[in-house]
Amino acid sequence: MEMNARYTSFVAVGDSFTEGMSDGLPDGSYRGWADLLAARLAASSPGFRYANLAVRGKLIGQIADEQCGPAASMGADLVTMVGGLNDVLRPRCDVAQVCARLDEGAALLARGGGQLVLMRSPGRQGPVLERFRPRMEQLFAHLDEVAARHGAVVVDLYGSRALSDPRLWADDRLHLNAEGHRRVAEAVWQALGLPAGDDWNAPLPSSAPPGWGARRTADLRFAREHLVPWIGRRLTGRSSGDGRPAKRPELLPYEV
């Protein structure tokens, strides 16, 4: 049992990053970094409670309007919010407005009285995200100001070279795989001042890159199965989370 985990309840809000994609379980659900963090905290805190209101595809305004109020009302002593990336990845985006809505969401959550945690999401290296990188960096630069206003802890995943390694990302190249989620859970754990389990930012062992043929096959599969549908949703204003409820909408005991 790990000691000094002083938190007895945890609420997570956000989009797919916090929902937990893409580490799928046999029953079709997902076990992401927030779930891993909850399990670790629960092991040290009898009666620990956990809620995860995050839903894939949500924009920062939806997170602020739909999730932050209910999350604050739960009165948890730990709350995390990660959002805004879906906004900046859309064809058109007012980054200043995204920053303003992020601040509104943080203010709502801060009223709940728990320790607020904000994050700079990790960024995989590659051409797909390069055109959006200035927007991402503008958003992430604003986080320190938001955190200062609301006494929040900031976890800087964007600056992690380890998390930019494609081997920590799922086939869709937009979500972390199981090891990526494990490292994020460890990063948050340490940012909260809890005893480190390992170096979450340690680089993966070097390995020979895949050959040209394997890369082209993977690129074609990625374009067909992930990139084209993603572009279609962005152009039509649809979301992968439309009509999808939160997977853990109530603050209930978490069984390890």
C-alpha atoms as a PDB file:
ATOM      1  CA  MET A   1       0.000   0.000   0.000  1.00  0.00           C
ATOM      2  CA  GLU A   2       1.349   3.431  -0.918  1.00  0.00           C
ATOM      3  CA  MET A   3       1.228   5.955   1.906  1.00  0.00           C
ATOM      4  CA  ASN A   4       0.690   9.738   2.062  1.00  0.00           C
ATOM      5  CA  ALA A   5      -2.114   9.770  -0.509  1.00  0.00           C
ATOM      6  CA  ARG A   6      -4.102  12.363   1.397  1.00  0.00           C
ATOM      7  CA  TYR A   7      -6.942  12.611  -1.102  1.00  0.00           C
ATOM      8  CA  THR A   8     -10.175  10.773  -0.348  1.00  0.00           C
ATOM      9  CA  SER A   9     -12.217  11.784  -3.419  1.00  0.00           C
ATOM     10  CA  PHE A  10     -11.403  12.664  -7.020  1.00  0.00           C
ATOM     11  CA  VAL A  11     -13.420  14.125  -9.901  1.00  0.00           C
ATOM     12  CA  ALA A  12     -12.055  14.378 -13.449  1.00  0.00           C
ATOM     13  CA  VAL A  13     -13.526  16.554 -16.202  1.00  0.00           C
ATOM     14  CA  GLY A  14     -12.489  16.957 -19.815  1.00  0.00           C
ATOM     15  CA  ASP A  15     -12.519  15.220 -23.179  1.00  0.00           C
ATOM     16  CA  SER A  16     -11.167  11.942 -24.590  1.00  0.00           C
ATOM     17  CA  PHE A  17      -7.750  12.468 -22.997  1.00  0.00           C
ATOM     18  CA  THR A  18      -9.343  12.149 -19.544  1.00  0.00           C
ATOM     19  CA  GLU A  19     -12.061   9.701 -20.555  1.00  0.00           C
ATOM     20  CA  GLY A  20      -9.193   7.322 -21.176  1.00  0.00           C
ATOM     21  CA  MET A  21      -8.996   6.462 -24.858  1.00  0.00           C
ATOM     22  CA  SER A  22      -7.460   4.400 -26.358  1.00  0.00           C
ATOM     23  CA  ASP A  23      -6.591   1.683 -23.835  1.00  0.00           C
ATOM     24  CA  GLY A  24      -9.600  -0.557 -24.391  1.00  0.00           C
ATOM     25  CA  LEU A  25     -10.722  -3.231 -21.942  1.00  0.00           C
ATOM     26  CA  PRO A  26     -12.522  -6.486 -22.925  1.00  0.00           C
ATOM     27  CA  ASP A  27     -15.931  -5.016 -22.038  1.00  0.00           C
ATOM     28  CA  GLY A  28     -15.400  -2.117 -24.462  1.00  0.00           C
ATOM     29  CA  SER A  29     -14.659   0.466 -21.773  1.00  0.00           C
ATOM     30  CA  TYR A  30     -11.445   2.426 -21.350  1.00  0.00           C
ATOM     31  CA  ARG A  31      -8.920   2.624 -18.551  1.00  0.00           C
ATOM     32  CA  GLY A  32      -6.987   5.847 -18.850  1.00  0.00           C
ATOM     33  CA  TRP A  33      -4.693   7.904 -16.665  1.00  0.00           C
ATOM     34  CA  ALA A  34      -7.524   9.239 -14.475  1.00  0.00           C
ATOM     35  CA  ASP A  35      -8.735   5.701 -13.762  1.00  0.00           C
ATOM     36  CA  LEU A  36      -5.180   4.599 -12.957  1.00  0.00           C
ATOM     37  CA  LEU A  37      -4.696   7.582 -10.650  1.00  0.00           C
ATOM     38  CA  ALA A  38      -8.002   6.849  -8.914  1.00  0.00           C
ATOM     39  CA  ALA A  39      -6.995   3.221  -8.353  1.00  0.00           C
ATOM     40  CA  ARG A  40      -3.692   4.289  -6.858  1.00  0.00           C
ATOM     41  CA  LEU A  41      -5.296   6.836  -4.545  1.00  0.00           C
ATOM     42  CA  ALA A  42      -8.000   4.352  -3.535  1.00  0.00           C
ATOM     43  CA  ALA A  43      -5.352   1.831  -2.469  1.00  0.00           C
ATOM     44  CA  SER A  44      -4.222   4.306   0.210  1.00  0.00           C
ATOM     45  CA  SER A  45      -7.590   5.751   1.208  1.00  0.00           C
ATOM     46  CA  PRO A  46     -10.379   3.476   2.502  1.00  0.00           C
ATOM     47  CA  GLY A  47     -13.749   4.701   1.259  1.00  0.00           C
ATOM     48  CA  PHE A  48     -12.163   6.610  -1.617  1.00  0.00           C
ATOM     49  CA  ARG A  49     -14.685   7.982  -4.137  1.00  0.00           C
ATOM     50  CA  TYR A  50     -14.206   8.734  -7.821  1.00  0.00           C
ATOM     51  CA  ALA A  51     -16.187  10.333 -10.658  1.00  0.00           C
ATOM     52  CA  ASN A  52     -15.127  10.848 -14.269  1.00  0.00           C
ATOM     53  CA  LEU A  53     -17.353  13.256 -16.195  1.00  0.00           C
ATOM     54  CA  ALA A  54     -15.084  13.501 -19.238  1.00  0.00           C
ATOM     55  CA  VAL A  55     -16.571  12.727 -22.659  1.00  0.00           C
ATOM     56  CA  ARG A  56     -14.640  12.366 -25.904  1.00  0.00           C
ATOM     57  CA  GLY A  57     -14.896  15.188 -28.421  1.00  0.00           C
ATOM     58  CA  LYS A  58     -16.081  17.840 -25.972  1.00  0.00           C
ATOM     59  CA  LEU A  59     -15.046  21.438 -26.567  1.00  0.00           C
ATOM     60  CA  ILE A  60     -13.904  23.654 -23.717  1.00  0.00           C
ATOM     61  CA  GLY A  61     -17.230  25.531 -23.642  1.00  0.00           C
ATOM     62  CA  GLN A  62     -19.101  22.245 -23.265  1.00  0.00           C
ATOM     63  CA  ILE A  63     -16.738  21.123 -20.512  1.00  0.00           C
ATOM     64  CA  ALA A  64     -17.271  24.407 -18.662  1.00  0.00           C
ATOM     65  CA  ASP A  65     -21.052  24.423 -19.163  1.00  0.00           C
ATOM     66  CA  GLU A  66     -21.845  20.728 -18.725  1.00  0.00           C
ATOM     67  CA  GLN A  67     -19.182  19.264 -16.462  1.00  0.00           C
ATOM     68  CA  CYS A  68     -17.590  21.883 -14.235  1.00  0.00           C
ATOM     69  CA  GLY A  69     -20.689  22.906 -12.295  1.00  0.00           C
ATOM     70  CA  PRO A  70     -21.709  19.329 -11.434  1.00  0.00           C
ATOM     71  CA  ALA A  71     -18.089  18.459 -10.628  1.00  0.00           C
ATOM     72  CA  ALA A  72     -17.740  21.414  -8.241  1.00  0.00           C
ATOM     73  CA  SER A  73     -20.984  20.500  -6.478  1.00  0.00           C
ATOM     74  CA  MET A  74     -19.576  17.062  -5.612  1.00  0.00           C
ATOM     75  CA  GLY A  75     -17.112  18.665  -3.185  1.00  0.00           C
ATOM     76  CA  ALA A  76     -14.218  16.344  -3.993  1.00  0.00           C
ATOM     77  CA  ASP A  77     -10.844  17.198  -2.504  1.00  0.00           C
ATOM     78  CA  LEU A  78      -9.093  16.610  -5.852  1.00  0.00           C
ATOM     79  CA  VAL A  79     -10.341  17.691  -9.279  1.00  0.00           C
ATOM     80  CA  THR A  80      -8.630  17.688 -12.667  1.00  0.00           C
ATOM     81  CA  MET A  81      -9.548  19.549 -15.837  1.00  0.00           C
ATOM     82  CA  VAL A  82      -7.955  19.049 -19.250  1.00  0.00           C
ATOM     83  CA  GLY A  83      -9.604  20.702 -22.238  1.00  0.00           C
ATOM     84  CA  GLY A  84      -9.283  23.030 -25.180  1.00  0.00           C
ATOM     85  CA  LEU A  85      -7.298  20.769 -27.479  1.00  0.00           C
ATOM     86  CA  ASN A  86     -10.387  19.756 -29.460  1.00  0.00           C
ATOM     87  CA  ASP A  87     -11.068  23.445 -30.014  1.00  0.00           C
ATOM     88  CA  VAL A  88      -7.631  24.308 -31.354  1.00  0.00           C
ATOM     89  CA  LEU A  89      -7.653  21.285 -33.685  1.00  0.00           C
ATOM     90  CA  ARG A  90     -10.742  22.540 -35.494  1.00  0.00           C
ATOM     91  CA  PRO A  91     -10.423  24.394 -38.826  1.00  0.00           C
ATOM     92  CA  ARG A  92     -11.473  27.669 -37.203  1.00  0.00           C
ATOM     93  CA  CYS A  93     -10.689  28.621 -33.648  1.00  0.00           C
ATOM     94  CA  ASP A  94     -10.656  31.772 -31.536  1.00  0.00           C
ATOM     95  CA  VAL A  95      -7.871  30.835 -29.144  1.00  0.00           C
ATOM     96  CA  ALA A  96      -8.522  33.850 -26.913  1.00  0.00           C
ATOM     97  CA  GLN A  97     -12.109  32.672 -26.454  1.00  0.00           C
ATOM     98  CA  VAL A  98     -10.897  29.150 -25.694  1.00  0.00           C
ATOM     99  CA  CYS A  99      -8.602  30.579 -23.015  1.00  0.00           C
ATOM    100  CA  ALA A 100     -11.484  32.571 -21.541  1.00  0.00           C
ATOM    101  CA  ARG A 101     -13.734  29.517 -21.338  1.00  0.00           C
ATOM    102  CA  LEU A 102     -10.916  27.510 -19.762  1.00  0.00           C
ATOM    103  CA  ASP A 103     -10.638  30.184 -17.087  1.00  0.00           C
ATOM    104  CA  GLU A 104     -14.406  30.061 -16.501  1.00  0.00           C
ATOM    105  CA  GLY A 105     -14.293  26.300 -16.041  1.00  0.00           C
ATOM    106  CA  ALA A 106     -11.371  26.540 -13.646  1.00  0.00           C
ATOM    107  CA  ALA A 107     -13.170  29.216 -11.620  1.00  0.00           C
ATOM    108  CA  LEU A 108     -16.231  26.979 -11.273  1.00  0.00           C
ATOM    109  CA  LEU A 109     -14.145  24.033 -10.155  1.00  0.00           C
ATOM    110  CA  ALA A 110     -12.136  26.144  -7.692  1.00  0.00           C
ATOM    111  CA  ARG A 111     -15.363  27.043  -5.907  1.00  0.00           C
ATOM    112  CA  GLY A 112     -15.745  23.381  -4.985  1.00  0.00           C
ATOM    113  CA  GLY A 113     -12.818  23.771  -2.587  1.00  0.00           C
ATOM    114  CA  GLY A 114     -10.660  20.869  -3.737  1.00  0.00           C
ATOM    115  CA  GLN A 115      -7.150  20.890  -5.140  1.00  0.00           C
ATOM    116  CA  LEU A 116      -7.412  21.785  -8.820  1.00  0.00           C
ATOM    117  CA  VAL A 117      -5.018  20.231 -11.349  1.00  0.00           C
ATOM    118  CA  LEU A 118      -4.594  21.563 -14.887  1.00  0.00           C
ATOM    119  CA  MET A 119      -2.436  20.085 -17.634  1.00  0.00           C
ATOM    120  CA  ARG A 120      -0.610  20.918 -20.788  1.00  0.00           C
ATOM    121  CA  SER A 121      -1.555  17.915 -22.903  1.00  0.00           C
ATOM    122  CA  PRO A 122       1.274  15.922 -24.504  1.00  0.00           C
ATOM    123  CA  GLY A 123       2.019  16.475 -28.175  1.00  0.00           C
ATOM    124  CA  ARG A 124       3.144  13.707 -30.476  1.00  0.00           C
ATOM    125  CA  GLN A 125       5.740  14.582 -33.103  1.00  0.00           C
ATOM    126  CA  GLY A 126       4.445  14.416 -36.674  1.00  0.00           C
ATOM    127  CA  PRO A 127       2.967  16.392 -39.556  1.00  0.00           C
ATOM    128  CA  VAL A 128      -0.703  16.048 -38.571  1.00  0.00           C
ATOM    129  CA  LEU A 129      -0.433  18.345 -35.537  1.00  0.00           C
ATOM    130  CA  GLU A 130       2.264  20.686 -36.768  1.00  0.00           C
ATOM    131  CA  ARG A 131      -0.140  23.180 -38.345  1.00  0.00           C
ATOM    132  CA  PHE A 132      -2.003  23.448 -35.023  1.00  0.00           C
ATOM    133  CA  ARG A 133       1.051  23.711 -32.787  1.00  0.00           C
ATOM    134  CA  PRO A 134       1.040  27.559 -32.506  1.00  0.00           C
ATOM    135  CA  ARG A 135      -2.548  27.434 -31.264  1.00  0.00           C
ATOM    136  CA  MET A 136      -1.688  24.698 -28.780  1.00  0.00           C
ATOM    137  CA  GLU A 137       1.232  26.667 -27.426  1.00  0.00           C
ATOM    138  CA  GLN A 138      -0.866  29.811 -27.077  1.00  0.00           C
ATOM    139  CA  LEU A 139      -3.425  27.850 -25.067  1.00  0.00           C
ATOM    140  CA  PHE A 140      -0.823  26.140 -22.909  1.00  0.00           C
ATOM    141  CA  ALA A 141       0.993  29.406 -22.203  1.00  0.00           C
ATOM    142  CA  HIS A 142      -2.245  30.719 -20.684  1.00  0.00           C
ATOM    143  CA  LEU A 143      -2.446  27.867 -18.163  1.00  0.00           C
ATOM    144  CA  ASP A 144       0.024  29.419 -15.723  1.00  0.00           C
ATOM    145  CA  GLU A 145      -2.143  32.534 -15.435  1.00  0.00           C
ATOM    146  CA  VAL A 146      -5.257  30.426 -14.849  1.00  0.00           C
ATOM    147  CA  ALA A 147      -3.456  28.312 -12.269  1.00  0.00           C
ATOM    148  CA  ALA A 148      -2.183  31.364 -10.391  1.00  0.00           C
ATOM    149  CA  ARG A 149      -5.713  32.765 -10.138  1.00  0.00           C
ATOM    150  CA  HIS A 150      -7.181  29.554  -8.756  1.00  0.00           C
ATOM    151  CA  GLY A 151      -4.356  27.939  -6.811  1.00  0.00           C
ATOM    152  CA  ALA A 152      -4.077  25.089  -9.297  1.00  0.00           C
ATOM    153  CA  VAL A 153      -1.242  22.649  -9.899  1.00  0.00           C
ATOM    154  CA  VAL A 154      -0.029  22.545 -13.517  1.00  0.00           C
ATOM    155  CA  VAL A 155       1.306  19.276 -14.957  1.00  0.00           C
ATOM    156  CA  ASP A 156       3.435  20.017 -18.011  1.00  0.00           C
ATOM    157  CA  LEU A 157       3.094  17.016 -20.317  1.00  0.00           C
ATOM    158  CA  TYR A 158       3.596  19.063 -23.471  1.00  0.00           C
ATOM    159  CA  GLY A 159       7.227  19.642 -22.575  1.00  0.00           C
ATOM    160  CA  SER A 160       7.880  15.921 -22.160  1.00  0.00           C
ATOM    161  CA  ARG A 161      10.183  14.434 -24.804  1.00  0.00           C
ATOM    162  CA  ALA A 162       9.265  10.926 -23.665  1.00  0.00           C
ATOM    163  CA  LEU A 163       5.548  11.485 -24.294  1.00  0.00           C
ATOM    164  CA  SER A 164       6.276  12.705 -27.811  1.00  0.00           C
ATOM    165  CA  ASP A 165       7.583   9.219 -28.661  1.00  0.00           C
ATOM    166  CA  PRO A 166       5.147   7.573 -31.116  1.00  0.00           C
ATOM    167  CA  ARG A 167       5.518   4.294 -29.222  1.00  0.00           C
ATOM    168  CA  LEU A 168       3.432   5.814 -26.401  1.00  0.00           C
ATOM    169  CA  TRP A 169       0.537   6.626 -28.721  1.00  0.00           C
ATOM    170  CA  ALA A 170      -2.363   4.547 -30.012  1.00  0.00           C
ATOM    171  CA  ASP A 171      -2.952   3.704 -33.663  1.00  0.00           C
ATOM    172  CA  ASP A 172      -5.111   6.817 -34.109  1.00  0.00           C
ATOM    173  CA  ARG A 173      -2.075   9.001 -33.248  1.00  0.00           C
ATOM    174  CA  LEU A 174      -4.315  11.299 -31.186  1.00  0.00           C
ATOM    175  CA  HIS A 175      -4.620   9.305 -27.963  1.00  0.00           C
ATOM    176  CA  LEU A 176      -2.120   7.684 -25.654  1.00  0.00           C
ATOM    177  CA  ASN A 177      -1.748   3.924 -25.338  1.00  0.00           C
ATOM    178  CA  ALA A 178      -1.624   1.998 -22.044  1.00  0.00           C
ATOM    179  CA  GLU A 179       1.980   2.945 -21.228  1.00  0.00           C
ATOM    180  CA  GLY A 180       1.308   6.568 -22.120  1.00  0.00           C
ATOM    181  CA  HIS A 181      -1.652   6.692 -19.735  1.00  0.00           C
ATOM    182  CA  ARG A 182       0.398   5.034 -17.006  1.00  0.00           C
ATOM    183  CA  ARG A 183       3.079   7.709 -17.331  1.00  0.00           C
ATOM    184  CA  VAL A 184       0.522  10.533 -17.173  1.00  0.00           C
ATOM    185  CA  ALA A 185      -0.977   9.040 -13.999  1.00  0.00           C
ATOM    186  CA  GLU A 186       2.522   8.953 -12.494  1.00  0.00           C
ATOM    187  CA  ALA A 187       3.160  12.558 -13.567  1.00  0.00           C
ATOM    188  CA  VAL A 188      -0.004  13.776 -11.846  1.00  0.00           C
ATOM    189  CA  TRP A 189       0.773  11.697  -8.763  1.00  0.00           C
ATOM    190  CA  GLN A 190       4.185  13.320  -8.442  1.00  0.00           C
ATOM    191  CA  ALA A 191       2.846  16.823  -9.169  1.00  0.00           C
ATOM    192  CA  LEU A 192       0.578  16.380  -6.147  1.00  0.00           C
ATOM    193  CA  GLY A 193       3.661  15.891  -3.990  1.00  0.00           C
ATOM    194  CA  LEU A 194       3.173  12.153  -3.528  1.00  0.00           C
ATOM    195  CA  PRO A 195       6.113   9.703  -3.445  1.00  0.00           C
ATOM    196  CA  ALA A 196       7.447   8.899  -6.904  1.00  0.00           C
ATOM    197  CA  GLY A 197       7.030   5.387  -8.234  1.00  0.00           C
ATOM    198  CA  ASP A 198       9.407   5.848 -11.153  1.00  0.00           C
ATOM    199  CA  ASP A 199      10.629   8.434 -13.647  1.00  0.00           C
ATOM    200  CA  TRP A 200       7.541   9.017 -15.802  1.00  0.00           C
ATOM    201  CA  ASN A 201       9.558  11.157 -18.204  1.00  0.00           C
ATOM    202  CA  ALA A 202      12.320   8.619 -18.824  1.00  0.00           C
ATOM    203  CA  PRO A 203      12.894   7.998 -22.551  1.00  0.00           C
ATOM    204  CA  LEU A 204      11.998   4.618 -23.958  1.00  0.00           C
ATOM    205  CA  PRO A 205      14.881   2.309 -24.887  1.00  0.00           C
ATOM    206  CA  SER A 206      16.204   2.968 -28.354  1.00  0.00           C
ATOM    207  CA  SER A 207      15.010   0.648 -31.096  1.00  0.00           C
ATOM    208  CA  ALA A 208      15.415   0.301 -34.832  1.00  0.00           C
ATOM    209  CA  PRO A 209      12.772   2.337 -36.702  1.00  0.00           C
ATOM    210  CA  PRO A 210      10.284   0.392 -38.836  1.00  0.00           C
ATOM    211  CA  GLY A 211      11.139  -0.014 -42.485  1.00  0.00           C
ATOM    212  CA  TRP A 212       9.747   2.089 -45.304  1.00  0.00           C
ATOM    213  CA  GLY A 213       7.115  -0.466 -46.255  1.00  0.00           C
ATOM    214  CA  ALA A 214       5.866  -0.879 -42.702  1.00  0.00           C
ATOM    215  CA  ARG A 215       5.627   2.904 -42.278  1.00  0.00           C
ATOM    216  CA  ARG A 216       3.657   3.332 -45.503  1.00  0.00           C
ATOM    217  CA  THR A 217       1.267   0.526 -44.548  1.00  0.00           C
ATOM    218  CA  ALA A 218       0.721   2.090 -41.138  1.00  0.00           C
ATOM    219  CA  ASP A 219       0.199   5.543 -42.690  1.00  0.00           C
ATOM    220  CA  LEU A 220      -2.435   4.230 -45.095  1.00  0.00           C
ATOM    221  CA  ARG A 221      -4.274   2.391 -42.328  1.00  0.00           C
ATOM    222  CA  PHE A 222      -4.151   5.476 -40.117  1.00  0.00           C
ATOM    223  CA  ALA A 223      -5.523   7.700 -42.909  1.00  0.00           C
ATOM    224  CA  ARG A 224      -8.334   5.293 -43.745  1.00  0.00           C
ATOM    225  CA  GLU A 225      -9.419   4.366 -40.234  1.00  0.00           C
ATOM    226  CA  HIS A 226      -8.733   7.544 -38.284  1.00  0.00           C
ATOM    227  CA  LEU A 227      -7.641  10.640 -40.206  1.00  0.00           C
ATOM    228  CA  VAL A 228     -10.413  10.752 -42.828  1.00  0.00           C
ATOM    229  CA  PRO A 229     -13.247  10.229 -40.281  1.00  0.00           C
ATOM    230  CA  TRP A 230     -11.647  12.805 -37.971  1.00  0.00           C
ATOM    231  CA  ILE A 231     -11.451  15.409 -40.759  1.00  0.00           C
ATOM    232  CA  GLY A 232     -15.037  14.660 -41.715  1.00  0.00           C
ATOM    233  CA  ARG A 233     -16.249  15.324 -38.177  1.00  0.00           C
ATOM    234  CA  ARG A 234     -14.278  18.556 -37.958  1.00  0.00           C
ATOM    235  CA  LEU A 235     -15.623  19.868 -41.261  1.00  0.00           C
ATOM    236  CA  THR A 236     -19.239  19.052 -40.399  1.00  0.00           C
ATOM    237  CA  GLY A 237     -19.140  20.150 -36.764  1.00  0.00           C
ATOM    238  CA  ARG A 238     -19.895  16.654 -35.472  1.00  0.00           C
ATOM    239  CA  SER A 239     -18.247  15.076 -32.458  1.00  0.00           C
ATOM    240  CA  SER A 240     -17.379  11.507 -31.521  1.00  0.00           C
ATOM    241  CA  GLY A 241     -18.995  12.235 -28.158  1.00  0.00           C
ATOM    242  CA  ASP A 242     -22.392  13.374 -29.449  1.00  0.00           C
ATOM    243  CA  GLY A 243     -25.043  11.702 -27.303  1.00  0.00           C
ATOM    244  CA  ARG A 244     -22.478   9.833 -25.204  1.00  0.00           C
ATOM    245  CA  PRO A 245     -22.875  10.003 -21.403  1.00  0.00           C
ATOM    246  CA  ALA A 246     -19.993  10.167 -18.953  1.00  0.00           C
ATOM    247  CA  LYS A 247     -18.749   6.722 -17.988  1.00  0.00           C
ATOM    248  CA  ARG A 248     -18.710   7.511 -14.250  1.00  0.00           C
ATOM    249  CA  PRO A 249     -21.067  10.452 -13.656  1.00  0.00           C
ATOM    250  CA  GLU A 250     -21.468  10.125  -9.870  1.00  0.00           C
ATOM    251  CA  LEU A 251     -18.957  10.399  -7.050  1.00  0.00           C
ATOM    252  CA  LEU A 252     -19.105   6.817  -5.809  1.00  0.00           C
ATOM    253  CA  PRO A 253     -16.791   4.479  -3.923  1.00  0.00           C
ATOM    254  CA  TYR A 254     -14.044   3.106  -6.120  1.00  0.00           C
ATOM    255  CA  GLU A 255     -13.301  -0.567  -5.719  1.00  0.00           C
ATOM    256  CA  VAL A 256      -9.657  -1.404  -6.338  1.00  0.00           C
END
